[in-house]
Amino acid sequence: MKEYYRWQNVSIENALRKRRVVTLSGARQCGKTTLIKHITKNAPENFIFRTLDDKGLLKSALDDPITFVKHAKGSMIIDEVQKAPDIVSAVKQVVDNNNRRGQFLLTGSADITSLPEVSESLAGRVKNIRLRPLTNGEILGRRPSFIKKCFSKDFPSQIKGFDKETIIKMAFRGGYPEAVKMHKRDRKDWHKDYREALFKRDLKSIANISRQDIIKELFAILNSWSGKYMDLSNIGSNLAVSKITLGTYINALKILFLFESVKPWLKTDYDRVGKKEKIYSTDTGTMVNSLDWKEEDVLLDSDKSGKLIETLVFNELAAQIDFSGHYDLYQYRDRAKREIDFLIEDSDGAITAIEVKSSAVADSSDFKHIRWFKENMAGNKKFTGIVLYSGENTIMFRNNMYAVPLASLWE
């Protein structure tokens, strides 16, 4: 069975040479264990592997975390560390007494830094690495180069083979490695089983979720909101829970890396800038299966196809930003209803603004809000405007504005 080379492979190897502790976090089934096996296969004697999915090891970790984490040499890998949060405190105690690099690789299917039980910080001792479901670039064996091209303005002149229908098929496939390898008729069952396992097991281990019916309904609602601005009143309008409980449930789903928010760009004194975050599903396959969408319906529905393709773009961009570590991702909206899907800012303050179109046609009018932002917000910063669309050709417009094929994200 084919294995995919993950971009974060090199990030983990480098971090183990430089930091005492490395954490690798990501949604369950996104490929963490496979990646670790790839990293350790050439020198297995240098690694000690312990998974807290093992009930006996979990009991040992809970009963005596200090003894559990002690080891004299090599790197100890502790899988599913969120099941025993006190492990983090024990790890801190060990590495505070020993400066040796690469002592621990902690993996988890939940964001352990967000868990209330984790009382000790590993700041200054740890490198946190996020693993997402497979990107299209990883599936196709491509390097993560799109964001660099945005700032260098070095786009391919033409990319064939990725029309709107093909891109929607890629989005329906999603990025969970096991589901990617399945025939599409089997993926629906896989995603159903995946959701049920999350609701029955993982959510119980990280949060006091008392209403399974509510969390299941909320999961579908949030997938339908992917690419929209967070509004708790509207999201919870049909759910019989308080706003506080609703916020707790949403946060639990974020801790499991099932949803993610993009912050607004607020680096201005313009008082009409919106401050709401945008929410996205972190896997398009999960999104469409939760909503029971059909490929042929989405292809002909501009609202659905736009929402799905924008979510796909978010996940491709987020993975490349995770890997590079040199960029920040934002979105923009103001009270005059000017919106820009994504703003990427590099460490020098240069900005790339990106609008996403599902159609195969792009023209000058698609840059209306990007041009306004450049003239009124960007100031003297280096600025590039991009409209991603499902056509084949890169089209150059005036003032560093480009219509670029969506496939540039992975080609």
Protein backbone atom coordinates (compact mmCIF):
# COMPACT_ATOMS: atom_id res chain seq x y z
CA MET A 1 0.00 0.00 0.00
CA LYS A 2 1.36 3.38 -0.97
CA GLU A 3 2.87 5.60 1.71
CA TYR A 4 2.98 9.35 1.27
CA TYR A 5 6.01 11.44 2.13
CA ARG A 6 4.84 14.05 4.62
CA TRP A 7 6.20 17.58 4.50
CA GLN A 8 6.56 17.65 8.29
CA ASN A 9 8.96 14.71 8.23
CA VAL A 10 11.96 17.00 7.90
CA SER A 11 10.52 19.42 10.50
CA ILE A 12 10.38 16.66 13.13
CA GLU A 13 13.87 15.36 12.35
CA ASN A 14 15.33 18.87 12.58
CA ALA A 15 13.45 19.64 15.80
CA LEU A 16 14.69 16.47 17.52
CA ARG A 17 18.25 17.66 16.87
CA LYS A 18 17.60 21.10 18.34
CA ARG A 19 14.96 20.84 21.10
CA ARG A 20 14.59 18.79 24.24
CA VAL A 21 10.91 18.14 23.57
CA VAL A 22 8.94 17.93 20.31
CA THR A 23 5.17 17.66 20.15
CA LEU A 24 3.39 16.30 17.08
CA SER A 25 -0.33 17.04 17.19
CA GLY A 26 -3.12 16.41 14.72
CA ALA A 27 -6.52 14.86 14.29
CA ARG A 28 -6.90 11.14 14.86
CA GLN A 29 -6.13 9.12 11.70
CA CYS A 30 -4.26 11.99 9.99
CA GLY A 31 -1.08 9.89 9.77
CA LYS A 32 0.95 10.62 12.93
CA THR A 33 1.82 6.98 13.71
CA THR A 34 2.82 6.24 10.11
CA LEU A 35 5.03 9.33 10.07
CA ILE A 36 6.73 8.32 13.32
CA LYS A 37 7.40 4.82 11.97
CA HIS A 38 9.02 6.39 8.92
CA ILE A 39 11.23 8.60 11.08
CA THR A 40 12.31 5.76 13.40
CA LYS A 41 12.77 2.92 10.90
CA ASN A 42 16.42 3.64 10.10
CA ALA A 43 17.52 3.68 13.75
CA PRO A 44 14.81 2.00 15.85
CA GLU A 45 17.27 1.40 18.68
CA ASN A 46 17.37 5.17 19.31
CA PHE A 47 13.67 5.35 20.12
CA ILE A 48 11.43 4.08 22.93
CA PHE A 49 7.78 3.92 21.87
CA ARG A 50 4.89 3.96 24.37
CA THR A 51 1.26 4.46 23.40
CA LEU A 52 -1.38 5.46 25.89
CA ASP A 53 -3.95 3.62 23.79
CA ASP A 54 -2.54 0.62 25.69
CA LYS A 55 -4.62 0.39 28.89
CA GLY A 56 -1.75 -1.04 30.92
CA LEU A 57 0.64 1.72 29.90
CA LEU A 58 -2.04 4.33 30.44
CA LYS A 59 -2.55 3.12 34.01
CA SER A 60 1.21 3.32 34.64
CA ALA A 61 1.33 6.84 33.23
CA LEU A 62 -1.58 7.97 35.39
CA ASP A 63 -0.31 6.27 38.57
CA ASP A 64 3.34 7.37 38.39
CA PRO A 65 4.11 9.77 35.52
CA ILE A 66 7.62 10.58 36.79
CA THR A 67 8.77 6.96 36.66
CA PHE A 68 6.93 6.43 33.37
CA VAL A 69 8.92 9.10 31.49
CA LYS A 70 12.40 8.38 32.85
CA HIS A 71 14.89 6.99 30.31
CA ALA A 72 18.67 7.15 30.04
CA LYS A 73 19.23 7.57 26.31
CA GLY A 74 17.52 7.99 22.98
CA SER A 75 14.14 9.59 22.36
CA MET A 76 10.99 8.49 24.13
CA ILE A 77 7.87 8.67 21.98
CA ILE A 78 4.66 8.92 23.98
CA ASP A 79 1.60 8.51 21.78
CA GLU A 80 -1.84 9.98 22.65
CA VAL A 81 -0.36 12.02 25.50
CA GLN A 82 -3.62 13.94 26.02
CA LYS A 83 -4.98 10.88 27.84
CA ALA A 84 -2.58 11.51 30.73
CA PRO A 85 -2.04 15.30 30.95
CA ASP A 86 0.20 14.98 34.04
CA ILE A 87 2.79 13.46 31.71
CA VAL A 88 3.57 17.01 30.54
CA SER A 89 4.56 18.06 34.07
CA ALA A 90 6.71 14.97 34.44
CA VAL A 91 8.45 15.65 31.13
CA LYS A 92 9.12 19.23 32.21
CA GLN A 93 10.76 17.99 35.41
CA VAL A 94 13.03 15.60 33.48
CA VAL A 95 14.17 18.07 30.82
CA ASP A 96 14.73 20.82 33.37
CA ASN A 97 17.45 18.60 34.84
CA ASN A 98 18.93 17.51 31.52
CA ASN A 99 19.71 19.68 28.50
CA ARG A 100 20.09 16.76 26.08
CA ARG A 101 18.32 17.38 22.77
CA GLY A 102 15.65 15.07 21.43
CA GLN A 103 14.61 13.49 24.72
CA PHE A 104 10.87 13.36 24.02
CA LEU A 105 8.52 13.23 21.07
CA LEU A 106 4.97 13.63 22.37
CA THR A 107 2.10 12.94 19.99
CA GLY A 108 -1.57 13.60 20.49
CA SER A 109 -4.93 13.63 18.73
CA ALA A 110 -5.86 16.70 20.75
CA ASP A 111 -4.18 20.04 21.28
CA ILE A 112 -2.60 19.36 24.67
CA THR A 113 -1.64 23.01 25.13
CA SER A 114 -5.37 23.86 25.18
CA LEU A 115 -6.36 21.28 27.76
CA PRO A 116 -7.22 22.78 31.16
CA GLU A 117 -5.52 19.85 32.93
CA VAL A 118 -2.12 20.79 31.54
CA SER A 119 -0.83 23.12 34.26
CA GLU A 120 2.85 23.21 33.32
CA SER A 121 4.23 25.00 30.29
CA LEU A 122 7.06 23.64 28.20
CA ALA A 123 7.82 27.09 26.80
CA GLY A 124 11.44 27.38 25.70
CA ARG A 125 11.89 23.63 25.80
CA VAL A 126 9.49 22.44 23.12
CA LYS A 127 8.90 22.65 19.38
CA ASN A 128 5.23 22.24 18.51
CA ILE A 129 4.52 20.68 15.12
CA ARG A 130 1.08 20.27 13.54
CA LEU A 131 0.26 17.39 11.23
CA ARG A 132 -2.83 17.86 9.11
CA PRO A 133 -4.62 15.40 6.84
CA LEU A 134 -2.83 14.88 3.54
CA THR A 135 -2.66 17.87 1.22
CA ASN A 136 -3.11 17.42 -2.50
CA GLY A 137 0.56 18.34 -2.80
CA GLU A 138 1.58 15.44 -0.56
CA ILE A 139 -0.73 13.02 -2.38
CA LEU A 140 0.80 14.05 -5.71
CA GLY A 141 4.35 14.10 -4.34
CA ARG A 142 4.86 17.85 -4.80
CA ARG A 143 6.89 20.26 -2.70
CA PRO A 144 5.14 23.06 -0.71
CA SER A 145 6.08 25.99 -2.93
CA PHE A 146 2.90 27.98 -3.60
CA ILE A 147 3.25 30.60 -0.86
CA LYS A 148 6.85 31.31 -1.81
CA LYS A 149 5.64 31.83 -5.39
CA CYS A 150 3.03 34.31 -4.15
CA PHE A 151 5.74 36.60 -2.80
CA SER A 152 8.16 36.06 -5.69
CA LYS A 153 5.32 36.32 -8.27
CA ASP A 154 6.74 33.28 -10.04
CA PHE A 155 3.61 31.44 -11.16
CA PRO A 156 3.42 28.78 -13.87
CA SER A 157 1.96 30.23 -17.06
CA GLN A 158 -0.42 27.31 -17.53
CA ILE A 159 -1.56 24.20 -15.65
CA LYS A 160 -3.74 21.64 -17.39
CA GLY A 161 -5.68 18.72 -15.99
CA PHE A 162 -7.40 20.40 -13.03
CA ASP A 163 -10.76 21.81 -14.08
CA LYS A 164 -13.54 22.59 -11.61
CA GLU A 165 -14.96 19.06 -11.73
CA THR A 166 -11.55 17.53 -11.00
CA ILE A 167 -10.92 19.91 -8.11
CA ILE A 168 -14.31 19.07 -6.58
CA LYS A 169 -13.49 15.35 -6.85
CA MET A 170 -10.22 16.02 -5.01
CA ALA A 171 -12.12 17.90 -2.31
CA PHE A 172 -14.60 15.02 -1.90
CA ARG A 173 -11.69 12.62 -1.43
CA GLY A 174 -10.38 14.63 1.52
CA GLY A 175 -7.02 13.99 3.15
CA TYR A 176 -7.29 11.22 5.74
CA PRO A 177 -4.76 8.64 4.46
CA GLU A 178 -6.98 5.59 4.94
CA ALA A 179 -9.98 7.22 3.28
CA VAL A 180 -7.85 8.59 0.41
CA LYS A 181 -6.91 5.05 -0.62
CA MET A 182 -10.51 3.82 -0.64
CA HIS A 183 -12.98 3.75 -3.49
CA LYS A 184 -15.35 6.69 -3.09
CA ARG A 185 -18.33 4.39 -2.36
CA ASP A 186 -16.50 3.13 0.76
CA ARG A 187 -15.46 6.54 2.09
CA LYS A 188 -18.93 7.43 3.34
CA ASP A 189 -18.94 4.46 5.70
CA TRP A 190 -15.39 5.25 6.82
CA HIS A 191 -16.30 8.83 7.67
CA LYS A 192 -19.44 7.73 9.53
CA ASP A 193 -17.39 5.31 11.66
CA TYR A 194 -14.75 7.99 12.19
CA ARG A 195 -17.31 10.49 13.49
CA GLU A 196 -18.90 7.94 15.81
CA ALA A 197 -15.52 7.02 17.30
CA LEU A 198 -14.77 10.69 17.95
CA PHE A 199 -18.10 11.34 19.60
CA LYS A 200 -18.07 8.22 21.79
CA ARG A 201 -14.41 8.12 22.75
CA ASP A 202 -12.24 11.18 22.11
CA LEU A 203 -14.70 13.89 23.10
CA LYS A 204 -15.37 12.13 26.40
CA SER A 205 -11.66 12.04 27.20
CA ILE A 206 -11.10 15.78 26.79
CA ALA A 207 -14.38 17.43 27.74
CA ASN A 208 -17.51 16.81 29.75
CA ILE A 209 -19.80 16.41 26.74
CA SER A 210 -23.11 15.31 28.23
CA ARG A 211 -25.29 15.67 25.13
CA GLN A 212 -24.18 13.38 22.31
CA ASP A 213 -27.19 14.41 20.22
CA ILE A 214 -26.21 18.09 20.45
CA ILE A 215 -22.54 17.53 19.58
CA LYS A 216 -23.50 15.47 16.51
CA GLU A 217 -25.87 18.16 15.29
CA LEU A 218 -23.34 20.88 16.05
CA PHE A 219 -20.68 19.01 14.07
CA ALA A 220 -22.88 19.10 10.96
CA ILE A 221 -23.83 22.75 11.54
CA LEU A 222 -20.19 23.83 11.80
CA ASN A 223 -19.34 21.99 8.60
CA SER A 224 -22.15 23.90 6.89
CA TRP A 225 -20.60 27.11 8.26
CA SER A 226 -17.14 26.38 6.85
CA GLY A 227 -15.84 29.56 5.26
CA LYS A 228 -18.29 31.77 7.18
CA TYR A 229 -17.84 34.22 10.04
CA MET A 230 -18.44 32.89 13.55
CA ASP A 231 -21.82 33.88 14.97
CA LEU A 232 -22.73 31.87 18.06
CA SER A 233 -26.29 33.17 18.15
CA ASN A 234 -27.04 31.88 14.64
CA ILE A 235 -25.00 28.69 14.99
CA GLY A 236 -26.86 27.74 18.17
CA SER A 237 -30.30 29.03 17.19
CA ASN A 238 -31.73 25.52 16.81
CA LEU A 239 -29.74 23.89 19.60
CA ALA A 240 -31.20 23.67 23.10
CA VAL A 241 -28.02 24.70 24.93
CA SER A 242 -26.74 27.89 26.52
CA LYS A 243 -24.21 30.09 24.75
CA ILE A 244 -21.59 29.06 27.33
CA THR A 245 -22.20 25.36 26.67
CA LEU A 246 -22.17 25.98 22.93
CA GLY A 247 -18.79 27.69 23.21
CA THR A 248 -17.46 24.78 25.27
CA TYR A 249 -18.62 22.25 22.66
CA ILE A 250 -17.12 24.23 19.77
CA ASN A 251 -13.84 24.55 21.64
CA ALA A 252 -13.79 20.78 22.21
CA LEU A 253 -14.18 20.18 18.46
CA LYS A 254 -11.33 22.62 17.81
CA ILE A 255 -9.12 20.89 20.39
CA LEU A 256 -9.59 17.69 18.38
CA PHE A 257 -8.42 19.59 15.26
CA LEU A 258 -11.76 19.12 13.48
CA PHE A 259 -12.32 22.85 12.97
CA GLU A 260 -10.06 25.87 12.91
CA SER A 261 -10.56 29.62 12.95
CA VAL A 262 -8.78 32.26 10.89
CA LYS A 263 -8.28 35.54 12.70
CA PRO A 264 -9.17 38.92 11.21
CA TRP A 265 -6.44 41.28 10.00
CA LEU A 266 -6.56 44.12 12.53
CA LYS A 267 -3.31 45.97 11.86
CA THR A 268 -5.04 49.26 11.20
CA ASP A 269 -6.77 52.12 12.97
CA TYR A 270 -9.68 51.90 10.53
CA ASP A 271 -12.62 51.56 12.95
CA ARG A 272 -14.88 49.74 10.51
CA VAL A 273 -12.81 46.55 10.35
CA GLY A 274 -14.71 43.45 11.45
CA LYS A 275 -13.33 41.44 14.34
CA LYS A 276 -15.08 38.11 13.85
CA GLU A 277 -13.11 34.97 13.10
CA LYS A 278 -13.84 32.72 10.15
CA ILE A 279 -14.31 29.00 10.80
CA TYR A 280 -13.21 26.16 8.53
CA SER A 281 -13.52 22.41 8.52
CA THR A 282 -10.02 20.92 8.58
CA ASP A 283 -10.85 18.21 6.05
CA THR A 284 -13.08 18.59 3.00
CA GLY A 285 -13.87 14.87 2.88
CA THR A 286 -15.20 15.04 6.43
CA MET A 287 -17.16 18.16 5.52
CA VAL A 288 -19.00 16.74 2.49
CA ASN A 289 -19.76 13.42 4.19
CA SER A 290 -21.15 15.15 7.26
CA LEU A 291 -23.43 17.24 5.04
CA ASP A 292 -24.31 14.29 2.77
CA TRP A 293 -23.37 16.26 -0.36
CA LYS A 294 -23.15 14.66 -3.81
CA GLU A 295 -20.44 15.59 -6.32
CA GLU A 296 -22.86 16.25 -9.17
CA ASP A 297 -25.00 18.55 -7.01
CA VAL A 298 -22.03 20.56 -5.75
CA LEU A 299 -20.65 21.01 -9.26
CA LEU A 300 -23.84 22.79 -10.34
CA ASP A 301 -24.41 24.74 -7.11
CA SER A 302 -22.22 27.85 -6.99
CA ASP A 303 -22.76 28.38 -3.25
CA LYS A 304 -21.77 24.82 -2.30
CA SER A 305 -18.87 24.62 -4.76
CA GLY A 306 -17.58 28.00 -3.61
CA LYS A 307 -17.75 27.00 0.07
CA LEU A 308 -16.08 23.63 -0.60
CA ILE A 309 -13.27 24.99 -2.77
CA GLU A 310 -12.55 27.82 -0.32
CA THR A 311 -12.27 25.21 2.46
CA LEU A 312 -9.92 23.18 0.26
CA VAL A 313 -7.78 26.28 -0.33
CA PHE A 314 -7.66 27.01 3.41
CA ASN A 315 -6.36 23.54 4.18
CA GLU A 316 -3.69 23.69 1.47
CA LEU A 317 -2.52 27.14 2.62
CA ALA A 318 -2.57 26.24 6.31
CA ALA A 319 -0.40 23.16 5.75
CA GLN A 320 2.18 25.16 3.80
CA ILE A 321 2.23 27.86 6.47
CA ASP A 322 2.70 25.20 9.17
CA PHE A 323 5.66 23.82 7.27
CA SER A 324 7.37 27.11 6.49
CA GLY A 325 6.93 28.83 9.84
CA HIS A 326 7.55 32.24 8.23
CA TYR A 327 4.02 33.40 7.46
CA ASP A 328 0.80 34.37 9.23
CA LEU A 329 -2.70 33.77 7.87
CA TYR A 330 -5.58 36.23 8.25
CA GLN A 331 -8.86 37.23 6.59
CA TYR A 332 -10.47 40.63 6.11
CA ARG A 333 -13.98 42.04 6.28
CA ASP A 334 -15.26 45.51 7.12
CA ARG A 335 -18.64 47.08 7.73
CA ALA A 336 -18.81 48.21 4.12
CA LYS A 337 -18.95 44.49 3.21
CA ARG A 338 -15.51 44.45 1.61
CA GLU A 339 -14.13 40.96 2.11
CA ILE A 340 -10.88 39.20 1.25
CA ASP A 341 -10.77 35.44 1.79
CA PHE A 342 -7.13 35.21 2.90
CA LEU A 343 -4.28 37.57 3.73
CA ILE A 344 -0.82 36.08 4.10
CA GLU A 345 1.85 38.21 5.74
CA ASP A 346 5.53 37.28 5.76
CA SER A 347 8.08 38.03 8.47
CA ASP A 348 9.07 41.28 6.70
CA GLY A 349 5.50 42.56 6.59
CA ALA A 350 4.86 41.94 2.87
CA ILE A 351 1.25 40.94 2.15
CA THR A 352 -0.40 38.62 -0.35
CA ALA A 353 -4.19 38.93 -0.62
CA ILE A 354 -6.07 35.93 -2.01
CA GLU A 355 -9.63 35.68 -3.28
CA VAL A 356 -11.04 32.26 -4.19
CA LYS A 357 -13.34 31.68 -7.18
CA SER A 358 -14.74 28.30 -8.12
CA SER A 359 -15.44 29.33 -11.73
CA ALA A 360 -13.10 28.92 -14.69
CA VAL A 361 -13.29 32.62 -15.63
CA ALA A 362 -11.55 35.57 -13.93
CA ASP A 363 -11.52 39.24 -14.86
CA SER A 364 -10.51 42.63 -13.49
CA SER A 365 -13.71 43.04 -11.44
CA ASP A 366 -12.70 40.09 -9.24
CA PHE A 367 -9.93 42.26 -7.74
CA LYS A 368 -12.24 45.04 -6.55
CA HIS A 369 -11.78 44.47 -2.80
CA ILE A 370 -8.12 43.54 -3.14
CA ARG A 371 -7.40 46.81 -4.95
CA TRP A 372 -9.22 48.79 -2.27
CA PHE A 373 -7.21 47.05 0.44
CA LYS A 374 -3.94 47.75 -1.35
CA GLU A 375 -4.76 51.44 -1.74
CA ASN A 376 -6.23 52.02 1.72
CA MET A 377 -4.72 49.47 4.09
CA ALA A 378 -1.41 48.09 2.83
CA GLY A 379 0.41 51.42 2.96
CA ASN A 380 4.02 51.07 1.78
CA LYS A 381 4.13 47.32 2.30
CA LYS A 382 5.00 45.07 -0.61
CA PHE A 383 1.71 43.75 -1.90
CA THR A 384 0.48 41.07 -4.28
CA GLY A 385 -3.15 40.40 -5.19
CA ILE A 386 -4.25 36.96 -6.35
CA VAL A 387 -7.53 35.50 -7.52
CA LEU A 388 -7.42 31.70 -7.47
CA TYR A 389 -9.80 30.25 -10.06
CA SER A 390 -10.42 26.92 -11.80
CA GLY A 391 -9.02 27.99 -15.15
CA GLU A 392 -5.73 26.86 -16.71
CA ASN A 393 -3.83 30.09 -17.38
CA THR A 394 -2.09 32.65 -15.18
CA ILE A 395 -3.33 36.10 -16.19
CA MET A 396 -1.41 39.22 -15.17
CA PHE A 397 -3.33 42.40 -14.39
CA ARG A 398 -1.97 45.81 -13.41
CA ASN A 399 -0.27 46.62 -10.10
CA ASN A 400 0.89 43.11 -9.15
CA MET A 401 -2.52 41.49 -9.55
CA TYR A 402 -2.74 37.93 -10.91
CA ALA A 403 -5.47 35.43 -11.71
CA VAL A 404 -3.83 32.09 -10.92
CA PRO A 405 -5.05 28.50 -11.47
CA LEU A 406 -6.17 26.80 -8.26
CA ALA A 407 -3.88 23.92 -9.16
CA SER A 408 -0.91 26.20 -8.47
CA LEU A 409 -1.51 25.30 -4.82
CA TRP A 410 -0.02 21.86 -5.44
CA GLU A 411 1.71 21.96 -8.84
